[in-house]
C-alpha atoms as a PDB file:
ATOM      1  CA  MET A   1      44.452 -25.545 -10.163  1.00  0.00           C
ATOM      2  CA  ALA A   2      42.134 -24.548 -12.402  1.00  0.00           C
ATOM      3  CA  ALA A   3      42.902 -24.987 -15.823  1.00  0.00           C
ATOM      4  CA  PRO A   4      43.513 -21.167 -17.874  1.00  0.00           C
ATOM      5  CA  GLY A   5      40.681 -20.396 -20.488  1.00  0.00           C
ATOM      6  CA  PRO A   6      41.603 -19.300 -23.797  1.00  0.00           C
ATOM      7  CA  ALA A   7      44.355 -17.055 -24.275  1.00  0.00           C
ATOM      8  CA  GLY A   8      42.261 -13.052 -23.970  1.00  0.00           C
ATOM      9  CA  ALA A   9      39.160 -14.205 -22.522  1.00  0.00           C
ATOM     10  CA  ALA A  10      38.140 -12.265 -19.417  1.00  0.00           C
ATOM     11  CA  ALA A  11      36.519 -13.836 -16.663  1.00  0.00           C
ATOM     12  CA  SER A  12      32.861 -13.765 -16.565  1.00  0.00           C
ATOM     13  CA  PRO A  13      31.871 -10.744 -13.986  1.00  0.00           C
ATOM     14  CA  SER A  14      29.972 -11.592 -10.839  1.00  0.00           C
ATOM     15  CA  PRO A  15      26.309 -10.360 -10.460  1.00  0.00           C
ATOM     16  CA  GLN A  16      25.893  -6.751  -8.970  1.00  0.00           C
ATOM     17  CA  PRO A  17      23.792  -6.036  -7.068  1.00  0.00           C
ATOM     18  CA  PRO A  18      21.108  -3.414  -7.875  1.00  0.00           C
ATOM     19  CA  GLN A  19      22.651  -0.097  -7.101  1.00  0.00           C
ATOM     20  CA  LEU A  20      20.068   2.281  -5.543  1.00  0.00           C
ATOM     21  CA  PRO A  21      19.558   6.165  -6.816  1.00  0.00           C
ATOM     22  CA  SER A  22      19.101   7.659  -3.277  1.00  0.00           C
ATOM     23  CA  PRO A  23      21.895   7.633  -1.211  1.00  0.00           C
ATOM     24  CA  PHE A  24      19.247   7.354   1.587  1.00  0.00           C
ATOM     25  CA  ALA A  25      18.019   4.158   0.717  1.00  0.00           C
ATOM     26  CA  GLU A  26      19.650   0.732   1.447  1.00  0.00           C
ATOM     27  CA  LEU A  27      19.151  -3.086   0.270  1.00  0.00           C
ATOM     28  CA  VAL A  28      19.324  -5.172   2.963  1.00  0.00           C
ATOM     29  CA  LYS A  29      18.088  -9.012   3.748  1.00  0.00           C
ATOM     30  CA  SER A  30      15.707  -9.540   6.531  1.00  0.00           C
ATOM     31  CA  PRO A  31      15.596 -12.260   9.114  1.00  0.00           C
ATOM     32  CA  SER A  32      13.212 -14.149   7.055  1.00  0.00           C
ATOM     33  CA  GLY A  33      15.716 -13.967   3.815  1.00  0.00           C
ATOM     34  CA  LEU A  34      13.554 -11.698   2.086  1.00  0.00           C
ATOM     35  CA  GLU A  35      14.891  -8.706   0.643  1.00  0.00           C
ATOM     36  CA  LYS A  36      14.169  -5.541   1.909  1.00  0.00           C
ATOM     37  CA  VAL A  37      14.779  -1.626   0.629  1.00  0.00           C
ATOM     38  CA  VAL A  38      15.063   0.686   4.081  1.00  0.00           C
ATOM     39  CA  LEU A  39      14.626   4.381   3.551  1.00  0.00           C
ATOM     40  CA  ARG A  40      16.225   6.531   5.939  1.00  0.00           C
ATOM     41  CA  GLY A  41      14.615  10.201   6.922  1.00  0.00           C
ATOM     42  CA  SER A  42      15.607  12.724   9.823  1.00  0.00           C
ATOM     43  CA  ARG A  43      16.388  10.904  12.925  1.00  0.00           C
ATOM     44  CA  ASN A  44      14.719   7.610  13.652  1.00  0.00           C
ATOM     45  CA  CYS A  45      12.253   8.366  10.675  1.00  0.00           C
ATOM     46  CA  CYS A  46      12.350   5.430   8.060  1.00  0.00           C
ATOM     47  CA  VAL A  47      10.505   3.194   5.603  1.00  0.00           C
ATOM     48  CA  GLU A  48      10.435  -0.457   5.050  1.00  0.00           C
ATOM     49  CA  VAL A  49      10.036  -1.882   1.492  1.00  0.00           C
ATOM     50  CA  TYR A  50      10.120  -5.568   0.667  1.00  0.00           C
ATOM     51  CA  LEU A  51      10.625  -6.941  -3.051  1.00  0.00           C
ATOM     52  CA  TYR A  52       8.019  -9.326  -2.093  1.00  0.00           C
ATOM     53  CA  GLY A  53       5.231  -7.688  -2.859  1.00  0.00           C
ATOM     54  CA  GLY A  54       6.607  -4.310  -3.415  1.00  0.00           C
ATOM     55  CA  GLN A  55       5.170  -3.949  -0.193  1.00  0.00           C
ATOM     56  CA  VAL A  56       5.805  -1.497   2.598  1.00  0.00           C
ATOM     57  CA  THR A  57       5.724  -3.109   5.683  1.00  0.00           C
ATOM     58  CA  SER A  58       7.044  -0.566   8.082  1.00  0.00           C
ATOM     59  CA  TRP A  59       6.565   3.962   8.326  1.00  0.00           C
ATOM     60  CA  LYS A  60       8.302   5.170  11.652  1.00  0.00           C
ATOM     61  CA  ASN A  61       8.037   8.671  12.563  1.00  0.00           C
ATOM     62  CA  ASP A  62      11.015  10.872  14.163  1.00  0.00           C
ATOM     63  CA  ASN A  63      10.497   9.550  17.309  1.00  0.00           C
ATOM     64  CA  GLY A  64      11.025   5.675  16.107  1.00  0.00           C
ATOM     65  CA  GLU A  65       7.076   5.147  16.598  1.00  0.00           C
ATOM     66  CA  GLU A  66       5.684   2.640  14.314  1.00  0.00           C
ATOM     67  CA  LEU A  67       2.553   3.736  12.548  1.00  0.00           C
ATOM     68  CA  LEU A  68       1.683   1.152  10.385  1.00  0.00           C
ATOM     69  CA  PHE A  69       0.362  -2.093  11.646  1.00  0.00           C
ATOM     70  CA  LEU A  70       2.183  -5.844  10.758  1.00  0.00           C
ATOM     71  CA  SER A  71       0.626  -8.848  12.416  1.00  0.00           C
ATOM     72  CA  SER A  72       2.737 -10.621  15.051  1.00  0.00           C
ATOM     73  CA  LYS A  73       1.499 -13.718  12.923  1.00  0.00           C
ATOM     74  CA  ALA A  74       2.675 -12.277   9.837  1.00  0.00           C
ATOM     75  CA  ILE A  75       4.003 -15.040   7.218  1.00  0.00           C
ATOM     76  CA  PHE A  76       7.303 -13.794   5.686  1.00  0.00           C
ATOM     77  CA  LYS A  77       6.987 -16.666   3.393  1.00  0.00           C
ATOM     78  CA  PRO A  78       6.090 -16.487  -0.485  1.00  0.00           C
ATOM     79  CA  PRO A  79       3.434 -17.541  -2.384  1.00  0.00           C
ATOM     80  CA  LYS A  80       1.644 -16.301   1.540  1.00  0.00           C
ATOM     81  CA  ALA A  81       1.014 -12.272   1.222  1.00  0.00           C
ATOM     82  CA  ILE A  82       2.456 -10.459   4.402  1.00  0.00           C
ATOM     83  CA  ARG A  83      -0.359  -9.627   6.814  1.00  0.00           C
ATOM     84  CA  GLY A  84      -0.238  -5.680   7.013  1.00  0.00           C
ATOM     85  CA  GLY A  85       1.741  -2.415   6.001  1.00  0.00           C
ATOM     86  CA  ILE A  86       0.544  -1.721   2.562  1.00  0.00           C
ATOM     87  CA  PRO A  87      -0.032  -4.939   0.712  1.00  0.00           C
ATOM     88  CA  ILE A  88      -1.092  -3.803  -3.509  1.00  0.00           C
ATOM     89  CA  CYS A  89      -4.683  -5.278  -4.569  1.00  0.00           C
ATOM     90  CA  PHE A  90      -3.748  -5.671  -8.578  1.00  0.00           C
ATOM     91  CA  PRO A  91      -5.311  -6.698 -10.913  1.00  0.00           C
ATOM     92  CA  GLN A  92      -8.222  -7.062  -8.394  1.00  0.00           C
ATOM     93  CA  PHE A  93      -9.336  -6.024  -5.448  1.00  0.00           C
ATOM     94  CA  GLY A  94     -10.583  -8.212  -3.054  1.00  0.00           C
ATOM     95  CA  THR A  95     -13.570 -10.620  -5.081  1.00  0.00           C
ATOM     96  CA  HIS A  96     -14.292  -8.106  -7.414  1.00  0.00           C
ATOM     97  CA  GLY A  97     -13.222 -10.777 -10.621  1.00  0.00           C
ATOM     98  CA  ASN A  98     -12.187 -14.659 -11.262  1.00  0.00           C
ATOM     99  CA  LEU A  99      -8.565 -14.180  -9.850  1.00  0.00           C
ATOM    100  CA  GLU A 100      -7.468 -15.326  -6.168  1.00  0.00           C
ATOM    101  CA  GLN A 101      -8.560 -12.463  -3.383  1.00  0.00           C
ATOM    102  CA  HIS A 102      -6.676  -9.059  -4.204  1.00  0.00           C
ATOM    103  CA  GLY A 103      -4.829 -10.189  -7.029  1.00  0.00           C
ATOM    104  CA  PHE A 104      -1.105 -11.621  -7.469  1.00  0.00           C
ATOM    105  CA  ALA A 105       0.561  -8.529  -7.089  1.00  0.00           C
ATOM    106  CA  ARG A 106       1.386  -8.233  -3.343  1.00  0.00           C
ATOM    107  CA  ASN A 107       2.904 -12.002  -3.707  1.00  0.00           C
ATOM    108  CA  ARG A 108       5.324 -12.086  -6.787  1.00  0.00           C
ATOM    109  CA  PHE A 109       8.836 -10.583  -6.724  1.00  0.00           C
ATOM    110  CA  TRP A 110       9.263  -7.442  -7.536  1.00  0.00           C
ATOM    111  CA  THR A 111      12.527  -5.611  -9.243  1.00  0.00           C
ATOM    112  CA  ILE A 112      14.694  -2.142  -8.050  1.00  0.00           C
ATOM    113  CA  ASP A 113      14.115  -0.257 -11.151  1.00  0.00           C
ATOM    114  CA  ASN A 114      17.253   2.272 -11.988  1.00  0.00           C
ATOM    115  CA  ASP A 115      15.800   3.930 -15.190  1.00  0.00           C
ATOM    116  CA  PRO A 116      12.654   4.647 -14.285  1.00  0.00           C
ATOM    117  CA  PRO A 117      10.241   7.452 -16.662  1.00  0.00           C
ATOM    118  CA  PRO A 118      10.470  10.538 -15.070  1.00  0.00           C
ATOM    119  CA  LEU A 119       8.517  11.547 -12.399  1.00  0.00           C
ATOM    120  CA  PRO A 120       7.758  15.337 -11.474  1.00  0.00           C
ATOM    121  CA  ALA A 121      11.467  16.117  -9.688  1.00  0.00           C
ATOM    122  CA  ASN A 122      10.671  17.237  -6.268  1.00  0.00           C
ATOM    123  CA  PRO A 123      14.168  18.285  -4.751  1.00  0.00           C
ATOM    124  CA  ALA A 124      13.112  17.761  -1.206  1.00  0.00           C
ATOM    125  CA  ILE A 125      12.390  14.090  -1.377  1.00  0.00           C
ATOM    126  CA  LYS A 126      15.876  12.201  -0.997  1.00  0.00           C
ATOM    127  CA  ALA A 127      14.729   9.083   0.305  1.00  0.00           C
ATOM    128  CA  TYR A 128      12.934   6.707  -2.570  1.00  0.00           C
ATOM    129  CA  VAL A 129      13.314   3.387  -4.631  1.00  0.00           C
ATOM    130  CA  ASP A 130      11.916   2.704  -7.690  1.00  0.00           C
ATOM    131  CA  LEU A 131      10.146  -1.093  -7.950  1.00  0.00           C
ATOM    132  CA  ILE A 132       8.826  -2.399 -11.201  1.00  0.00           C
ATOM    133  CA  LEU A 133       6.429  -5.902 -11.810  1.00  0.00           C
ATOM    134  CA  ARG A 134       6.194  -7.239 -15.551  1.00  0.00           C
ATOM    135  CA  PRO A 135       3.970 -10.740 -15.655  1.00  0.00           C
ATOM    136  CA  SER A 136       5.829 -13.778 -15.742  1.00  0.00           C
ATOM    137  CA  GLU A 137       4.661 -16.499 -18.096  1.00  0.00           C
ATOM    138  CA  GLU A 138       2.616 -18.254 -15.106  1.00  0.00           C
ATOM    139  CA  ASP A 139       0.999 -14.940 -14.559  1.00  0.00           C
ATOM    140  CA  LEU A 140      -0.208 -14.413 -18.264  1.00  0.00           C
ATOM    141  CA  LYS A 141      -1.894 -17.730 -18.078  1.00  0.00           C
ATOM    142  CA  ILE A 142      -4.171 -16.370 -15.715  1.00  0.00           C
ATOM    143  CA  TRP A 143      -4.429 -12.929 -16.407  1.00  0.00           C
ATOM    144  CA  PRO A 144      -3.551 -12.888 -20.188  1.00  0.00           C
ATOM    145  CA  HIS A 145      -2.105  -9.373 -20.675  1.00  0.00           C
ATOM    146  CA  SER A 146       0.938  -7.801 -20.954  1.00  0.00           C
ATOM    147  CA  PHE A 147       1.863  -4.424 -18.616  1.00  0.00           C
ATOM    148  CA  GLU A 148       4.595  -2.594 -16.503  1.00  0.00           C
ATOM    149  CA  PHE A 149       3.739  -1.406 -13.228  1.00  0.00           C
ATOM    150  CA  ARG A 150       6.127   1.181 -11.681  1.00  0.00           C
ATOM    151  CA  LEU A 151       6.072   2.370  -8.103  1.00  0.00           C
ATOM    152  CA  ARG A 152       7.593   4.366  -6.439  1.00  0.00           C
ATOM    153  CA  VAL A 153       7.791   4.782  -2.773  1.00  0.00           C
ATOM    154  CA  ALA A 154       9.399   8.096  -0.981  1.00  0.00           C
ATOM    155  CA  LEU A 155       9.903   9.475   2.489  1.00  0.00           C
ATOM    156  CA  GLY A 156       9.545  13.151   2.615  1.00  0.00           C
ATOM    157  CA  PRO A 157      11.592  15.553   4.579  1.00  0.00           C
ATOM    158  CA  SER A 158       8.781  16.132   7.156  1.00  0.00           C
ATOM    159  CA  GLY A 159       8.187  12.455   7.714  1.00  0.00           C
ATOM    160  CA  ASP A 160       5.750  11.746   4.969  1.00  0.00           C
ATOM    161  CA  LEU A 161       5.304   8.569   2.823  1.00  0.00           C
ATOM    162  CA  SER A 162       4.402   8.372  -0.337  1.00  0.00           C
ATOM    163  CA  LEU A 163       3.181   5.752  -3.023  1.00  0.00           C
ATOM    164  CA  THR A 164       2.861   6.091  -6.425  1.00  0.00           C
ATOM    165  CA  SER A 165       2.103   3.787  -9.016  1.00  0.00           C
ATOM    166  CA  ARG A 166       2.176   3.925 -12.517  1.00  0.00           C
ATOM    167  CA  ILE A 167       0.496   0.864 -14.656  1.00  0.00           C
ATOM    168  CA  ARG A 168       0.977   1.030 -18.555  1.00  0.00           C
ATOM    169  CA  ASN A 169      -0.648  -1.698 -21.078  1.00  0.00           C
ATOM    170  CA  THR A 170       2.054  -3.495 -23.084  1.00  0.00           C
ATOM    171  CA  ASN A 171       0.137  -5.549 -24.914  1.00  0.00           C
ATOM    172  CA  THR A 172       1.196  -5.331 -28.412  1.00  0.00           C
ATOM    173  CA  ASP A 173      -2.063  -7.525 -29.932  1.00  0.00           C
ATOM    174  CA  GLY A 174      -4.076  -3.891 -29.501  1.00  0.00           C
ATOM    175  CA  ARG A 175      -6.430  -5.069 -26.723  1.00  0.00           C
ATOM    176  CA  PRO A 176      -7.253  -2.862 -23.934  1.00  0.00           C
ATOM    177  CA  PHE A 177      -7.514  -4.538 -20.263  1.00  0.00           C
ATOM    178  CA  SER A 178      -9.438  -3.462 -17.072  1.00  0.00           C
ATOM    179  CA  TYR A 179      -8.459  -3.804 -13.487  1.00  0.00           C
ATOM    180  CA  THR A 180      -9.569  -2.733  -9.834  1.00  0.00           C
ATOM    181  CA  PHE A 181      -6.721  -1.485  -7.466  1.00  0.00           C
ATOM    182  CA  ALA A 182      -6.404  -0.750  -3.795  1.00  0.00           C
ATOM    183  CA  TYR A 183      -3.430   0.412  -1.655  1.00  0.00           C
ATOM    184  CA  HIS A 184      -4.457  -2.383   1.171  1.00  0.00           C
ATOM    185  CA  THR A 185      -3.251   0.273   3.888  1.00  0.00           C
ATOM    186  CA  TYR A 186      -3.248  -1.191   7.740  1.00  0.00           C
ATOM    187  CA  PHE A 187      -2.841   1.352  10.209  1.00  0.00           C
ATOM    188  CA  SER A 188      -1.706   1.193  13.903  1.00  0.00           C
ATOM    189  CA  VAL A 189      -3.757   2.675  16.183  1.00  0.00           C
ATOM    190  CA  SER A 190      -4.166   2.401  20.095  1.00  0.00           C
ATOM    191  CA  ASP A 191      -7.656   1.190  20.458  1.00  0.00           C
ATOM    192  CA  ILE A 192     -10.131   0.376  17.695  1.00  0.00           C
ATOM    193  CA  SER A 193     -12.899   1.505  20.058  1.00  0.00           C
ATOM    194  CA  GLU A 194     -11.326   4.792  20.816  1.00  0.00           C
ATOM    195  CA  VAL A 195     -10.801   5.587  16.874  1.00  0.00           C
ATOM    196  CA  ARG A 196     -13.178   7.812  14.238  1.00  0.00           C
ATOM    197  CA  VAL A 197     -12.800   8.642  10.501  1.00  0.00           C
ATOM    198  CA  GLU A 198     -13.715  11.606   8.981  1.00  0.00           C
ATOM    199  CA  GLY A 199     -14.469  12.418   5.562  1.00  0.00           C
ATOM    200  CA  LEU A 200     -16.808   9.714   4.503  1.00  0.00           C
ATOM    201  CA  GLU A 201     -20.163  11.427   5.780  1.00  0.00           C
ATOM    202  CA  THR A 202     -23.283  11.356   3.451  1.00  0.00           C
ATOM    203  CA  MET A 203     -21.454   9.338   1.153  1.00  0.00           C
ATOM    204  CA  ASP A 204     -22.409   6.058  -0.552  1.00  0.00           C
ATOM    205  CA  TYR A 205     -20.856   2.548  -0.316  1.00  0.00           C
ATOM    206  CA  LEU A 206     -20.930  -0.897  -0.882  1.00  0.00           C
ATOM    207  CA  ASP A 207     -21.364  -3.626   2.348  1.00  0.00           C
ATOM    208  CA  ASN A 208     -19.027  -6.394   1.514  1.00  0.00           C
ATOM    209  CA  LEU A 209     -20.755  -7.899   4.262  1.00  0.00           C
ATOM    210  CA  LYS A 210     -24.507  -7.628   2.988  1.00  0.00           C
ATOM    211  CA  ALA A 211     -23.842  -8.994  -0.626  1.00  0.00           C
ATOM    212  CA  LYS A 212     -22.368  -5.796  -1.821  1.00  0.00           C
ATOM    213  CA  GLU A 213     -25.400  -3.945  -1.580  1.00  0.00           C
ATOM    214  CA  ARG A 214     -25.465  -0.184  -1.880  1.00  0.00           C
ATOM    215  CA  PHE A 215     -25.969   1.984   1.346  1.00  0.00           C
ATOM    216  CA  THR A 216     -25.552   5.840   2.324  1.00  0.00           C
ATOM    217  CA  GLU A 217     -23.413   6.563   5.418  1.00  0.00           C
ATOM    218  CA  GLN A 218     -25.598   8.418   7.771  1.00  0.00           C
ATOM    219  CA  GLY A 219     -22.821   9.319  11.290  1.00  0.00           C
ATOM    220  CA  ASP A 220     -21.474  12.006  10.993  1.00  0.00           C
ATOM    221  CA  ALA A 221     -17.977  10.289  11.578  1.00  0.00           C
ATOM    222  CA  ILE A 222     -17.332   6.372  11.137  1.00  0.00           C
ATOM    223  CA  VAL A 223     -16.164   4.641  14.694  1.00  0.00           C
ATOM    224  CA  PHE A 224     -16.570   0.945  15.565  1.00  0.00           C
ATOM    225  CA  GLU A 225     -18.090  -1.346  17.357  1.00  0.00           C
ATOM    226  CA  SER A 226     -18.262  -4.482  15.061  1.00  0.00           C
ATOM    227  CA  GLU A 227     -16.685  -5.975  12.100  1.00  0.00           C
ATOM    228  CA  ILE A 228     -16.807  -3.704   8.809  1.00  0.00           C
ATOM    229  CA  ASP A 229     -16.157  -4.102   5.290  1.00  0.00           C
ATOM    230  CA  LYS A 230     -17.416  -1.550   2.677  1.00  0.00           C
ATOM    231  CA  VAL A 231     -16.077   0.389  -0.158  1.00  0.00           C
ATOM    232  CA  TYR A 232     -17.064   4.231  -0.092  1.00  0.00           C
ATOM    233  CA  LEU A 233     -17.849   5.547  -3.375  1.00  0.00           C
ATOM    234  CA  ALA A 234     -16.506   8.736  -5.063  1.00  0.00           C
ATOM    235  CA  ALA A 235     -15.213   8.857  -1.778  1.00  0.00           C
ATOM    236  CA  PRO A 236     -12.757  12.737  -1.307  1.00  0.00           C
ATOM    237  CA  SER A 237      -9.412  13.076  -1.540  1.00  0.00           C
ATOM    238  CA  LYS A 238      -8.443  13.628   2.251  1.00  0.00           C
ATOM    239  CA  ILE A 239      -9.460  11.727   4.696  1.00  0.00           C
ATOM    240  CA  ALA A 240      -8.942  11.607   8.647  1.00  0.00           C
ATOM    241  CA  ILE A 241      -8.215   8.799  10.883  1.00  0.00           C
ATOM    242  CA  ILE A 242      -8.430  10.473  14.628  1.00  0.00           C
ATOM    243  CA  ASP A 243      -6.782   8.144  17.098  1.00  0.00           C
ATOM    244  CA  HIS A 244      -8.291   9.686  20.414  1.00  0.00           C
ATOM    245  CA  GLU A 245      -5.904   7.420  22.903  1.00  0.00           C
ATOM    246  CA  LYS A 246      -2.841   8.878  20.996  1.00  0.00           C
ATOM    247  CA  LYS A 247      -3.832  12.250  20.310  1.00  0.00           C
ATOM    248  CA  LYS A 248      -3.011  11.714  16.926  1.00  0.00           C
ATOM    249  CA  THR A 249      -4.657  12.100  12.976  1.00  0.00           C
ATOM    250  CA  PHE A 250      -3.079   9.880  10.108  1.00  0.00           C
ATOM    251  CA  VAL A 251      -4.085  12.116   6.763  1.00  0.00           C
ATOM    252  CA  VAL A 252      -4.912   9.713   3.699  1.00  0.00           C
ATOM    253  CA  THR A 253      -4.608  12.015   0.663  1.00  0.00           C
ATOM    254  CA  LYS A 254      -5.366   9.828  -2.607  1.00  0.00           C
ATOM    255  CA  GLU A 255      -5.283  10.735  -6.357  1.00  0.00           C
ATOM    256  CA  GLY A 256      -6.492   8.847  -9.461  1.00  0.00           C
ATOM    257  CA  LEU A 257      -8.429   6.600  -7.118  1.00  0.00           C
ATOM    258  CA  PRO A 258     -12.342   7.040  -6.592  1.00  0.00           C
ATOM    259  CA  ASP A 259     -13.195   5.139  -3.890  1.00  0.00           C
ATOM    260  CA  SER A 260     -12.095   4.302   0.056  1.00  0.00           C
ATOM    261  CA  VAL A 261     -12.358   0.712   1.460  1.00  0.00           C
ATOM    262  CA  VAL A 262     -12.778   0.830   5.245  1.00  0.00           C
ATOM    263  CA  TRP A 263     -12.002  -2.709   7.209  1.00  0.00           C
ATOM    264  CA  ASN A 264     -11.489  -3.862  10.388  1.00  0.00           C
ATOM    265  CA  PRO A 265     -12.658  -8.090  10.831  1.00  0.00           C
ATOM    266  CA  TRP A 266     -13.211  -7.692  14.608  1.00  0.00           C
ATOM    267  CA  ASP A 267     -12.483 -10.542  17.251  1.00  0.00           C
ATOM    268  CA  LYS A 268     -14.616 -13.861  15.455  1.00  0.00           C
ATOM    269  CA  LYS A 269     -12.696 -13.073  11.420  1.00  0.00           C
ATOM    270  CA  ALA A 270      -9.325 -12.416  13.260  1.00  0.00           C
ATOM    271  CA  LYS A 271      -9.216 -16.367  15.237  1.00  0.00           C
ATOM    272  CA  ALA A 272     -10.220 -17.587  11.814  1.00  0.00           C
ATOM    273  CA  MET A 273      -7.083 -15.906  10.550  1.00  0.00           C
ATOM    274  CA  GLN A 274      -3.936 -18.069  10.233  1.00  0.00           C
ATOM    275  CA  ASP A 275      -1.541 -14.700  10.148  1.00  0.00           C
ATOM    276  CA  PHE A 276      -3.484 -12.842  12.652  1.00  0.00           C
ATOM    277  CA  GLY A 277      -3.341 -12.404  16.515  1.00  0.00           C
ATOM    278  CA  ASP A 278      -6.924 -13.156  18.325  1.00  0.00           C
ATOM    279  CA  ALA A 279      -7.019  -9.601  19.478  1.00  0.00           C
ATOM    280  CA  GLU A 280      -4.960  -8.227  17.300  1.00  0.00           C
ATOM    281  CA  TYR A 281      -7.963  -6.100  15.698  1.00  0.00           C
ATOM    282  CA  LYS A 282      -8.116  -4.037  18.556  1.00  0.00           C
ATOM    283  CA  ASN A 283      -4.964  -2.253  17.346  1.00  0.00           C
ATOM    284  CA  MET A 284      -5.469  -2.068  13.744  1.00  0.00           C
ATOM    285  CA  LEU A 285      -7.568   0.124  11.169  1.00  0.00           C
ATOM    286  CA  CYS A 286      -7.510  -0.299   6.923  1.00  0.00           C
ATOM    287  CA  VAL A 287      -8.553   2.551   5.410  1.00  0.00           C
ATOM    288  CA  GLU A 288      -8.044   1.719   1.388  1.00  0.00           C
ATOM    289  CA  PRO A 289      -7.697   4.128  -1.552  1.00  0.00           C
ATOM    290  CA  ALA A 290      -9.006   2.282  -4.328  1.00  0.00           C
ATOM    291  CA  SER A 291     -10.380   2.205  -7.523  1.00  0.00           C
ATOM    292  CA  VAL A 292     -13.497  -1.193  -7.269  1.00  0.00           C
ATOM    293  CA  GLU A 293     -16.840   0.105  -8.283  1.00  0.00           C
ATOM    294  CA  LYS A 294     -16.201   1.011 -11.980  1.00  0.00           C
ATOM    295  CA  PRO A 295     -12.817  -0.727 -13.268  1.00  0.00           C
ATOM    296  CA  ILE A 296      -9.801   1.436 -14.392  1.00  0.00           C
ATOM    297  CA  THR A 297      -9.460   0.289 -18.553  1.00  0.00           C
ATOM    298  CA  LEU A 298      -6.439   0.976 -20.457  1.00  0.00           C
ATOM    299  CA  LYS A 299      -5.626   1.055 -24.103  1.00  0.00           C
ATOM    300  CA  PRO A 300      -2.416  -0.333 -25.339  1.00  0.00           C
ATOM    301  CA  GLY A 301       0.264   2.192 -24.210  1.00  0.00           C
ATOM    302  CA  GLU A 302      -2.212   3.849 -22.245  1.00  0.00           C
ATOM    303  CA  GLU A 303      -0.502   4.361 -18.733  1.00  0.00           C
ATOM    304  CA  TRP A 304      -2.910   5.193 -15.388  1.00  0.00           C
ATOM    305  CA  LYS A 305      -1.115   6.851 -12.237  1.00  0.00           C
ATOM    306  CA  GLY A 306      -2.507   6.419  -8.720  1.00  0.00           C
ATOM    307  CA  ARG A 307      -0.790   7.739  -5.416  1.00  0.00           C
ATOM    308  CA  LEU A 308      -1.206   7.533  -2.131  1.00  0.00           C
ATOM    309  CA  ALA A 309       0.249  10.265   0.352  1.00  0.00           C
ATOM    310  CA  LEU A 310       0.019   9.876   4.597  1.00  0.00           C
ATOM    311  CA  SER A 311       1.074  11.866   7.260  1.00  0.00           C
ATOM    312  CA  ALA A 312       0.641  11.996  10.853  1.00  0.00           C
ATOM    313  CA  VAL A 313       0.232  15.295  12.797  1.00  0.00           C
ATOM    314  CA  PRO A 314      -0.659  16.074  16.613  1.00  0.00           C
ATOM    315  CA  SER A 315      -4.581  16.359  16.892  1.00  0.00           C
ATOM    316  CA  SER A 316      -5.600  19.020  18.317  1.00  0.00           C
ATOM    317  CA  TYR A 317      -8.661  19.417  21.060  1.00  0.00           C
ATOM    318  CA  CYS A 318     -12.040  21.670  20.728  1.00  0.00           C
ATOM    319  CA  SER A 319     -14.718  21.223  22.969  1.00  0.00           C
ATOM    320  CA  GLY A 320     -13.571  18.161  24.007  1.00  0.00           C
ATOM    321  CA  GLN A 321     -13.548  16.866  20.805  1.00  0.00           C
ATOM    322  CA  LEU A 322     -10.641  15.697  18.483  1.00  0.00           C
ATOM    323  CA  ASP A 323     -11.151  18.522  15.608  1.00  0.00           C
ATOM    324  CA  PRO A 324      -9.662  17.130  11.980  1.00  0.00           C
ATOM    325  CA  LEU A 325     -11.548  19.918   9.891  1.00  0.00           C
ATOM    326  CA  LYS A 326      -8.585  21.819  10.133  1.00  0.00           C
ATOM    327  CA  VAL A 327      -6.666  18.672   8.573  1.00  0.00           C
ATOM    328  CA  LEU A 328      -9.234  17.797   5.751  1.00  0.00           C
ATOM    329  CA  GLN A 329      -9.457  21.231   4.238  1.00  0.00           C
ATOM    330  CA  GLY A 330      -5.992  22.040   5.035  1.00  0.00           C
END
C-alpha cells in the first residue's frame, strides 16, 4: 500500500489532453502512433491534420473522394517529412537559403493552440483547429530568430479547405528576420497527361531545372509531358487545375503569397525518391502558393498573414474543352 502524502496534500492531477474548441474536431492517434486532428463536415467530407508538421494529409469531399495526394510510400516517422498532403515550407522554400530543403516547420511537432488571437469571425465555419509552432533551442541554433507561427485549418460548410498562417517576429533583441514560404500542396489527379493549369499564362517564372533562370510562360495553359519545377512570379490570386478525366476543377485561391510553384518530378526523379512510388507522379501535381523570389521581412512585433483556400468544383464542357474561365473570374 502506498504511503499517504502529507496532510492536506492533493494528488497531483494527471495531464489533461488538449481541448479542441470545435465540436466538429477530434484528436485521434494514427496507426503510426502520431496524433492527428480530424475535422468533420457534411456527409463524408473531412480533413486530417497531423500535429507533426502541422500538416494536412487528407481532404475528402461529400462523396468521400480523396482530393489530396499522399504517397503510398510516405514515411510517418520523424524526422522524415510526410510525402504528400500540404507540407508547410518555412522558414525556407526549397534551396533558397542555407537551411535544409524546405526549412524545418514540416518536421517539427506543433501544439494545439486553445487561445489564439481572434481571426475574423465566420459563423458558417464550425470545423477547425488552431495550431502553434515556436522554435526549440535546437531550432534557434540553426535559425537564430524567435517567432510564433499560428496556423488555422478550417473546413467550410460546402467542403472548401482553408489554411491561414500568421507568423510573428518575437525577437527581443530588435532584429528583423526574413524567410521564404510555401504551402506545398499535392493534388490528387486522374492522370497528369489529362491535366491543365490555367491562370498562369504570360507569367514570368524561375525554372529550377535551369539554375533558376527567368523565362516567360508562352502556352495558353500549362500541360504536362515531362518534369516541371517552376516558380511563377507575381501570380494571380486564383489558379484553376482542370482534370479532364474526372471533369473536376480545383480552384486555388491565395492571399499574402505572390508566387505559385508548379512541380511534378516525372519518372526518373520519382524512382530516385525513397518515399515515393515509381509511377505515382502520374497521379499527383503540386501547385503551391508561395513567397519565393522576394523573402518576407518582419521587424520585431510585426506579423505576416498568408492564406490558402481550396475548392473542388465540377468542370463544364465548352466546345469540347473544360472551361475554367467562369471559375477564375468567379
